[in-house]
Amino acid sequence: MKYNHAFALAFSIESNHPEGNDIFGVHFTNAVLKRIIDLNENAEWDEAVGAPFDTFEIEEEEDGGS
C-alpha cells in the first residue's frame, strides 16, 4: 500500500505594489528556489513543512497479465 502526502512550503516575495500585482512567474521561481537553498543550508525542512495537510491512499493498478 502506498500513500500520497501533500505539504505546504511558505515563501515570501517583496514587491512595490500593495496587492502584489507586480509579481510574475519569474519572481515566484526565484523566491521558491531561494527558499529551497535556505532550507537546505540550514537543515530546516522538517520545521518548515511540518506534517502533511492532506493524505490519500494510492490505488495500486492490478496486473492484467497481458
N, C-alpha and C. Protein backbone atom coordinates (compact mmCIF):
# COMPACT_ATOMS: atom_id res chain seq x y z
N MET A 1 0.85 -1.17 0.00
CA MET A 1 0.00 0.00 0.00
C MET A 1 0.90 1.24 0.00
N LYS A 2 0.53 2.23 -0.80
CA LYS A 2 1.27 3.49 -0.86
C LYS A 2 0.33 4.65 -0.59
N TYR A 3 0.94 5.77 -0.17
CA TYR A 3 0.17 6.96 0.16
C TYR A 3 0.78 8.18 -0.52
N ASN A 4 -0.06 9.14 -0.86
CA ASN A 4 0.37 10.41 -1.41
C ASN A 4 0.13 11.47 -0.33
N HIS A 5 1.17 12.23 0.00
CA HIS A 5 1.09 13.24 1.06
C HIS A 5 1.31 14.63 0.46
N ALA A 6 0.46 15.57 0.81
CA ALA A 6 0.59 16.96 0.35
C ALA A 6 1.14 17.81 1.48
N PHE A 7 2.18 18.61 1.17
CA PHE A 7 2.80 19.51 2.13
C PHE A 7 2.72 20.93 1.60
N ALA A 8 2.81 21.89 2.50
CA ALA A 8 2.85 23.30 2.11
C ALA A 8 4.23 23.85 2.42
N LEU A 9 4.72 24.69 1.53
CA LEU A 9 6.01 25.35 1.71
C LEU A 9 5.78 26.85 1.60
N ALA A 10 6.02 27.57 2.68
CA ALA A 10 5.83 29.01 2.69
C ALA A 10 7.08 29.71 2.16
N PHE A 11 6.87 30.80 1.45
CA PHE A 11 7.96 31.65 0.98
C PHE A 11 7.41 33.06 0.85
N SER A 12 8.31 34.02 0.75
CA SER A 12 7.84 35.40 0.66
C SER A 12 8.51 36.11 -0.51
N ILE A 13 7.83 37.16 -0.99
CA ILE A 13 8.33 37.98 -2.08
C ILE A 13 8.07 39.44 -1.72
N GLU A 14 9.09 40.27 -1.87
CA GLU A 14 8.92 41.71 -1.68
C GLU A 14 8.54 42.33 -3.03
N SER A 15 7.61 43.29 -2.98
CA SER A 15 7.22 43.97 -4.22
C SER A 15 6.92 45.43 -3.92
N ASN A 16 6.60 46.17 -4.96
CA ASN A 16 6.29 47.59 -4.83
C ASN A 16 4.80 47.88 -4.90
N HIS A 17 4.00 46.85 -5.10
CA HIS A 17 2.55 47.03 -5.23
C HIS A 17 1.87 46.47 -3.98
N PRO A 18 0.91 47.19 -3.41
CA PRO A 18 0.28 46.74 -2.17
C PRO A 18 -0.47 45.41 -2.28
N GLU A 19 -0.91 45.06 -3.46
CA GLU A 19 -1.62 43.80 -3.65
C GLU A 19 -0.79 42.78 -4.42
N GLY A 20 0.48 43.08 -4.66
CA GLY A 20 1.36 42.13 -5.35
C GLY A 20 1.11 42.02 -6.84
N ASN A 21 0.49 43.03 -7.44
CA ASN A 21 0.19 42.97 -8.88
C ASN A 21 1.44 43.06 -9.75
N ASP A 22 2.58 43.34 -9.15
CA ASP A 22 3.83 43.41 -9.91
C ASP A 22 4.68 42.15 -9.72
N ILE A 23 4.04 41.07 -9.26
CA ILE A 23 4.72 39.79 -9.07
C ILE A 23 4.33 38.85 -10.21
N PHE A 24 5.35 38.29 -10.86
CA PHE A 24 5.12 37.42 -12.01
C PHE A 24 5.84 36.10 -11.82
N GLY A 25 5.70 35.21 -12.76
CA GLY A 25 6.25 33.86 -12.67
C GLY A 25 7.71 33.80 -12.26
N VAL A 26 8.54 34.63 -12.85
CA VAL A 26 9.97 34.61 -12.53
C VAL A 26 10.20 34.96 -11.06
N HIS A 27 9.37 35.83 -10.49
CA HIS A 27 9.51 36.17 -9.08
C HIS A 27 9.19 34.96 -8.20
N PHE A 28 8.14 34.22 -8.56
CA PHE A 28 7.80 33.01 -7.80
C PHE A 28 8.94 31.99 -7.89
N THR A 29 9.45 31.79 -9.09
CA THR A 29 10.54 30.84 -9.29
C THR A 29 11.74 31.22 -8.44
N ASN A 30 12.15 32.48 -8.50
CA ASN A 30 13.31 32.91 -7.73
C ASN A 30 13.10 32.78 -6.23
N ALA A 31 11.90 33.14 -5.75
CA ALA A 31 11.61 33.07 -4.33
C ALA A 31 11.59 31.63 -3.83
N VAL A 32 10.99 30.73 -4.59
CA VAL A 32 10.94 29.33 -4.18
C VAL A 32 12.34 28.71 -4.20
N LEU A 33 13.11 28.99 -5.22
CA LEU A 33 14.49 28.47 -5.29
C LEU A 33 15.33 29.00 -4.13
N LYS A 34 15.19 30.28 -3.80
CA LYS A 34 15.92 30.85 -2.67
C LYS A 34 15.50 30.16 -1.38
N ARG A 35 14.21 29.92 -1.22
CA ARG A 35 13.71 29.26 -0.01
C ARG A 35 14.28 27.84 0.09
N ILE A 36 14.31 27.12 -1.00
CA ILE A 36 14.87 25.76 -1.01
C ILE A 36 16.34 25.79 -0.61
N ILE A 37 17.10 26.71 -1.16
CA ILE A 37 18.52 26.82 -0.82
C ILE A 37 18.68 27.12 0.67
N ASP A 38 17.88 28.06 1.19
CA ASP A 38 17.96 28.39 2.62
C ASP A 38 17.61 27.19 3.49
N LEU A 39 16.58 26.45 3.12
CA LEU A 39 16.20 25.27 3.91
C LEU A 39 17.28 24.20 3.88
N ASN A 40 17.90 23.99 2.73
CA ASN A 40 18.99 23.01 2.63
C ASN A 40 20.20 23.44 3.45
N GLU A 41 20.58 24.71 3.35
CA GLU A 41 21.76 25.20 4.06
C GLU A 41 21.58 25.16 5.57
N ASN A 42 20.36 25.35 6.04
CA ASN A 42 20.10 25.41 7.49
C ASN A 42 19.43 24.15 8.03
N ALA A 43 19.26 23.13 7.18
CA ALA A 43 18.63 21.86 7.59
C ALA A 43 17.33 22.11 8.36
N GLU A 44 16.44 22.90 7.76
CA GLU A 44 15.18 23.27 8.43
C GLU A 44 13.93 22.71 7.74
N TRP A 45 14.10 21.70 6.92
CA TRP A 45 12.95 21.17 6.17
C TRP A 45 11.83 20.69 7.07
N ASP A 46 12.16 19.90 8.10
CA ASP A 46 11.11 19.36 8.98
C ASP A 46 10.30 20.48 9.63
N GLU A 47 11.01 21.49 10.11
CA GLU A 47 10.33 22.61 10.77
C GLU A 47 9.52 23.42 9.77
N ALA A 48 10.04 23.58 8.56
CA ALA A 48 9.38 24.43 7.56
C ALA A 48 8.11 23.82 7.00
N VAL A 49 8.11 22.52 6.75
CA VAL A 49 6.94 21.93 6.10
C VAL A 49 6.01 21.22 7.07
N GLY A 50 6.53 20.76 8.20
CA GLY A 50 5.68 20.11 9.20
C GLY A 50 5.02 18.86 8.66
N ALA A 51 3.88 18.55 9.23
CA ALA A 51 3.13 17.35 8.84
C ALA A 51 2.35 17.62 7.56
N PRO A 52 2.01 16.57 6.83
CA PRO A 52 1.20 16.77 5.63
C PRO A 52 -0.17 17.33 5.99
N PHE A 53 -0.70 18.19 5.11
CA PHE A 53 -2.04 18.72 5.34
C PHE A 53 -3.12 17.87 4.67
N ASP A 54 -2.68 16.93 3.83
CA ASP A 54 -3.63 16.02 3.19
C ASP A 54 -2.90 14.74 2.80
N THR A 55 -3.59 13.63 2.90
CA THR A 55 -3.01 12.34 2.54
C THR A 55 -4.11 11.48 1.94
N PHE A 56 -3.74 10.74 0.90
CA PHE A 56 -4.70 9.78 0.39
C PHE A 56 -3.96 8.52 -0.06
N GLU A 57 -4.68 7.43 -0.03
CA GLU A 57 -4.12 6.16 -0.43
C GLU A 57 -4.09 6.08 -1.95
N ILE A 58 -2.97 5.59 -2.45
CA ILE A 58 -2.81 5.42 -3.90
C ILE A 58 -3.31 4.02 -4.24
N GLU A 59 -4.28 3.97 -5.14
CA GLU A 59 -4.79 2.67 -5.56
C GLU A 59 -3.77 2.01 -6.49
N GLU A 60 -3.35 0.85 -6.12
CA GLU A 60 -2.38 0.14 -6.95
C GLU A 60 -3.10 -0.50 -8.13
N GLU A 61 -2.47 -0.37 -9.30
CA GLU A 61 -3.06 -0.94 -10.50
C GLU A 61 -2.89 -2.45 -10.47
N GLU A 62 -3.93 -3.12 -10.87
CA GLU A 62 -3.87 -4.58 -10.92
C GLU A 62 -3.18 -4.99 -12.20
N ASP A 63 -2.34 -5.99 -12.10
CA ASP A 63 -1.66 -6.51 -13.27
C ASP A 63 -2.64 -7.34 -14.08
N GLY A 64 -2.90 -6.89 -15.31
CA GLY A 64 -3.86 -7.59 -16.16
C GLY A 64 -3.31 -8.85 -16.78
N GLY A 65 -2.02 -9.11 -16.61
CA GLY A 65 -1.42 -10.34 -17.13
C GLY A 65 -1.34 -10.38 -18.64
N SER A 66 -1.32 -9.20 -19.30
CA SER A 66 -1.27 -9.20 -20.76
C SER A 66 0.04 -9.64 -21.28
